[in-house]
Amino acid sequence: MRLFLVARHGQSLFNVDKVVNGDPTLDRGLSEQGIEEAERLAGQLAALPIDLVAVSPFPRALQTANIAVAGRDVTHLVDDELGDVRIGELEGKSLDAYRAAPAHSNRKERFPGGESLDEAALRYAVVCERLLARDEAVTLVVCHEIPVRYLANAAAGSAELNGPLSFIANATPYLFEEGSLGRAVERMRQLAG
């Protein structure tokens, strides 16, 4: 059985400031709490052999992944498509401004200068299909809150990618076996297509 452990990065400095960030070149990395969360993730994964780490290019995700597998010889695959939602003109704005944007409540609408939530979901589905086409037994995926939430809800067969699971803890692994990840990808495509 192939296993996929999908985790959100640890708390970032932007999370602390309640600022949105969709550009990896502007990411400021993890907060002290985020580093501690990544260290807890390392402890949770210590007994598992990890064959591959697939990670978003954002420093907060890379830092989380590197802490989680510190001291291990694990191949890293940095995939730009695992990045956070591309929010365009909302870059650096408050979380409240992001939540007030029409694109936040209408999955088909694009953020000004960015992408729609449905476009992001389809991007995440493509990444997962690429990972499913590989042959590693255990893959750790470190990315962002939205793809983890979408995958978890889609795997559960939800009619909505945003629920019923709405809270994704930082640096906490969500477990998928090959079949459940494949079903989640198929469901994401149905709901976002």
Protein backbone atom coordinates (compact mmCIF):
# COMPACT_ATOMS: atom_id res chain seq x y z
CA MET A 1 0.00 0.00 0.00
CA ARG A 2 1.30 3.43 -0.95
CA LEU A 3 0.87 6.17 1.62
CA PHE A 4 0.66 9.94 1.16
CA LEU A 5 1.03 12.21 4.19
CA VAL A 6 -0.22 15.67 3.30
CA ALA A 7 0.52 18.54 5.68
CA ARG A 8 0.09 22.27 5.84
CA HIS A 9 3.25 24.20 6.68
CA GLY A 10 3.89 25.37 10.22
CA GLN A 11 2.64 28.77 11.35
CA SER A 12 4.26 31.47 9.22
CA LEU A 13 5.21 35.02 10.08
CA PHE A 14 2.47 36.12 7.66
CA ASN A 15 -0.04 33.97 9.61
CA VAL A 16 0.95 35.84 12.77
CA ASP A 17 0.47 39.20 11.04
CA LYS A 18 -2.82 38.05 9.41
CA VAL A 19 -1.49 38.95 5.98
CA VAL A 20 -2.08 36.92 2.80
CA ASN A 21 0.82 35.79 0.63
CA GLY A 22 0.57 34.06 -2.74
CA ASP A 23 4.06 34.87 -4.05
CA PRO A 24 6.87 32.57 -2.84
CA THR A 25 9.52 35.25 -3.39
CA LEU A 26 7.88 37.42 -0.71
CA ASP A 27 7.40 34.65 1.89
CA ARG A 28 9.06 35.41 5.23
CA GLY A 29 9.18 31.83 6.55
CA LEU A 30 8.06 30.27 9.80
CA SER A 31 7.40 31.89 13.14
CA GLU A 32 8.94 30.42 16.29
CA GLN A 33 5.68 28.57 16.88
CA GLY A 34 5.82 27.31 13.28
CA ILE A 35 9.30 25.90 13.88
CA GLU A 36 8.02 24.11 16.98
CA GLU A 37 5.08 22.73 14.97
CA ALA A 38 7.46 21.44 12.30
CA GLU A 39 9.55 19.78 15.01
CA ARG A 40 6.40 18.05 16.32
CA LEU A 41 5.68 16.89 12.78
CA ALA A 42 9.19 15.39 12.68
CA GLY A 43 8.35 13.47 15.84
CA GLN A 44 5.07 12.21 14.38
CA LEU A 45 6.89 10.96 11.27
CA ALA A 46 9.97 9.57 13.01
CA ALA A 47 8.85 5.92 12.84
CA LEU A 48 7.88 6.08 9.15
CA PRO A 49 10.26 5.65 6.25
CA ILE A 50 9.76 8.64 3.95
CA ASP A 51 10.78 8.00 0.34
CA LEU A 52 9.91 11.38 -1.18
CA VAL A 53 9.11 14.88 0.03
CA ALA A 54 6.98 16.85 -2.43
CA VAL A 55 6.93 20.46 -1.36
CA SER A 56 5.62 23.88 -2.34
CA PRO A 57 8.31 26.41 -3.32
CA PHE A 58 7.25 28.76 -0.50
CA PRO A 59 9.95 29.10 2.19
CA ARG A 60 7.39 28.35 4.94
CA ALA A 61 6.65 24.98 3.31
CA LEU A 62 10.29 24.22 2.51
CA GLN A 63 11.35 25.07 6.06
CA THR A 64 8.60 22.84 7.50
CA ALA A 65 9.58 19.94 5.23
CA ASN A 66 13.27 20.26 5.99
CA ILE A 67 12.65 20.26 9.74
CA ALA A 68 10.23 17.32 9.43
CA VAL A 69 12.80 15.09 7.71
CA ALA A 70 15.99 16.53 9.23
CA GLY A 71 18.79 13.99 9.39
CA ARG A 72 17.25 11.74 6.75
CA ASP A 73 18.43 11.20 3.20
CA VAL A 74 15.12 11.88 1.44
CA THR A 75 14.66 13.08 -2.13
CA HIS A 76 12.95 16.48 -2.32
CA LEU A 77 10.70 17.44 -5.21
CA VAL A 78 9.86 21.16 -5.22
CA ASP A 79 6.73 21.64 -7.31
CA ASP A 80 5.62 25.19 -8.15
CA GLU A 81 2.07 23.92 -8.67
CA LEU A 82 1.85 23.04 -4.95
CA GLY A 83 2.13 26.75 -4.15
CA ASP A 84 -0.55 28.72 -2.37
CA VAL A 85 -3.46 30.30 -4.25
CA ARG A 86 -2.26 33.00 -6.64
CA ILE A 87 -4.01 36.04 -5.21
CA GLY A 88 -2.64 38.74 -7.54
CA GLU A 89 -3.43 42.26 -6.34
CA LEU A 90 -4.29 41.05 -2.83
CA GLU A 91 -0.63 40.18 -2.20
CA GLY A 92 0.41 41.54 1.19
CA LYS A 93 -3.14 42.62 2.10
CA SER A 94 -4.94 41.67 5.28
CA LEU A 95 -6.70 38.36 5.78
CA ASP A 96 -9.92 40.36 6.16
CA ALA A 97 -9.42 41.95 2.71
CA TYR A 98 -8.86 38.49 1.23
CA ARG A 99 -12.03 37.15 2.85
CA ALA A 100 -14.01 40.18 1.63
CA ALA A 101 -12.91 39.67 -1.99
CA PRO A 102 -15.69 38.31 -4.24
CA ALA A 103 -13.38 35.51 -5.40
CA HIS A 104 -13.22 34.16 -1.83
CA SER A 105 -16.94 33.33 -1.87
CA ASN A 106 -17.30 32.58 -5.60
CA ARG A 107 -14.96 29.72 -6.48
CA LYS A 108 -15.16 30.45 -10.22
CA GLU A 109 -14.19 34.12 -9.95
CA ARG A 110 -10.53 35.04 -10.19
CA PHE A 111 -8.74 37.15 -7.64
CA PRO A 112 -7.75 40.39 -9.46
CA GLY A 113 -4.50 39.59 -11.24
CA GLY A 114 -4.57 36.03 -9.88
CA GLU A 115 -6.47 32.78 -10.24
CA SER A 116 -9.81 31.44 -9.05
CA LEU A 117 -10.14 28.91 -6.25
CA ASP A 118 -11.40 26.37 -8.80
CA GLU A 119 -8.31 26.95 -10.94
CA ALA A 120 -6.16 26.38 -7.88
CA ALA A 121 -8.07 23.17 -7.07
CA LEU A 122 -7.49 21.85 -10.59
CA ARG A 123 -3.79 22.75 -10.28
CA TYR A 124 -3.58 20.75 -7.05
CA ALA A 125 -5.35 17.82 -8.71
CA VAL A 126 -2.69 17.77 -11.46
CA VAL A 127 0.11 17.70 -8.88
CA CYS A 128 -1.52 14.79 -7.07
CA GLU A 129 -1.93 12.91 -10.34
CA ARG A 130 1.80 13.35 -10.96
CA LEU A 131 2.56 12.02 -7.49
CA LEU A 132 0.22 9.07 -8.01
CA ALA A 133 2.10 8.22 -11.24
CA ARG A 134 5.34 7.82 -9.25
CA ASP A 135 6.22 4.68 -7.32
CA GLU A 136 7.51 5.76 -3.90
CA ALA A 137 5.88 3.84 -1.04
CA VAL A 138 5.62 6.82 1.35
CA THR A 139 5.41 10.42 0.18
CA LEU A 140 5.28 13.45 2.45
CA VAL A 141 3.59 16.45 0.82
CA VAL A 142 4.09 19.82 2.52
CA CYS A 143 2.00 22.61 1.06
CA HIS A 144 -0.73 25.01 2.22
CA GLU A 145 -4.06 25.03 4.02
CA ILE A 146 -6.31 25.16 0.96
CA PRO A 147 -4.99 22.09 -0.91
CA VAL A 148 -5.01 20.02 2.29
CA ARG A 149 -8.59 21.06 3.06
CA TYR A 150 -9.73 20.41 -0.51
CA LEU A 151 -8.12 16.96 -0.58
CA ALA A 152 -9.54 15.94 2.80
CA ASN A 153 -13.06 17.07 1.91
CA ALA A 154 -12.93 15.56 -1.58
CA ALA A 155 -11.64 12.24 -0.21
CA ALA A 156 -14.62 12.17 2.16
CA GLY A 157 -16.97 12.59 -0.82
CA SER A 158 -18.16 16.03 0.23
CA ALA A 159 -20.26 18.09 -2.18
CA GLU A 160 -18.16 21.13 -1.22
CA LEU A 161 -14.38 21.47 -1.24
CA ASN A 162 -14.51 23.95 1.65
CA GLY A 163 -16.36 21.61 4.02
CA PRO A 164 -17.35 19.96 6.16
CA LEU A 165 -13.72 20.06 7.34
CA SER A 166 -12.92 23.77 7.55
CA PHE A 167 -9.95 23.91 9.93
CA ILE A 168 -6.57 22.49 8.91
CA ALA A 169 -4.02 22.44 11.71
CA ASN A 170 -0.48 23.54 10.96
CA ALA A 171 2.14 20.84 10.40
CA THR A 172 -0.32 17.99 10.99
CA PRO A 173 -0.27 15.04 8.59
CA TYR A 174 -3.49 14.04 6.87
CA LEU A 175 -3.18 10.44 5.66
CA PHE A 176 -4.22 9.13 2.27
CA GLU A 177 -3.59 5.76 0.73
CA GLU A 178 -3.25 5.57 -3.04
CA GLY A 179 -6.93 4.83 -3.67
CA SER A 180 -8.25 7.58 -1.42
CA LEU A 181 -5.92 10.15 -2.97
CA GLY A 182 -7.07 9.07 -6.43
CA ARG A 183 -10.72 9.44 -5.39
CA ALA A 184 -9.98 12.85 -3.91
CA VAL A 185 -8.39 13.99 -7.18
CA GLU A 186 -11.38 12.75 -9.17
CA ARG A 187 -13.82 14.50 -6.81
CA MET A 188 -11.82 17.75 -6.91
CA ARG A 189 -11.99 17.67 -10.71
CA GLN A 190 -15.77 17.14 -10.58
CA LEU A 191 -16.35 19.98 -8.13
CA ALA A 192 -13.92 22.48 -9.68
CA GLY A 193 -14.31 21.61 -13.36
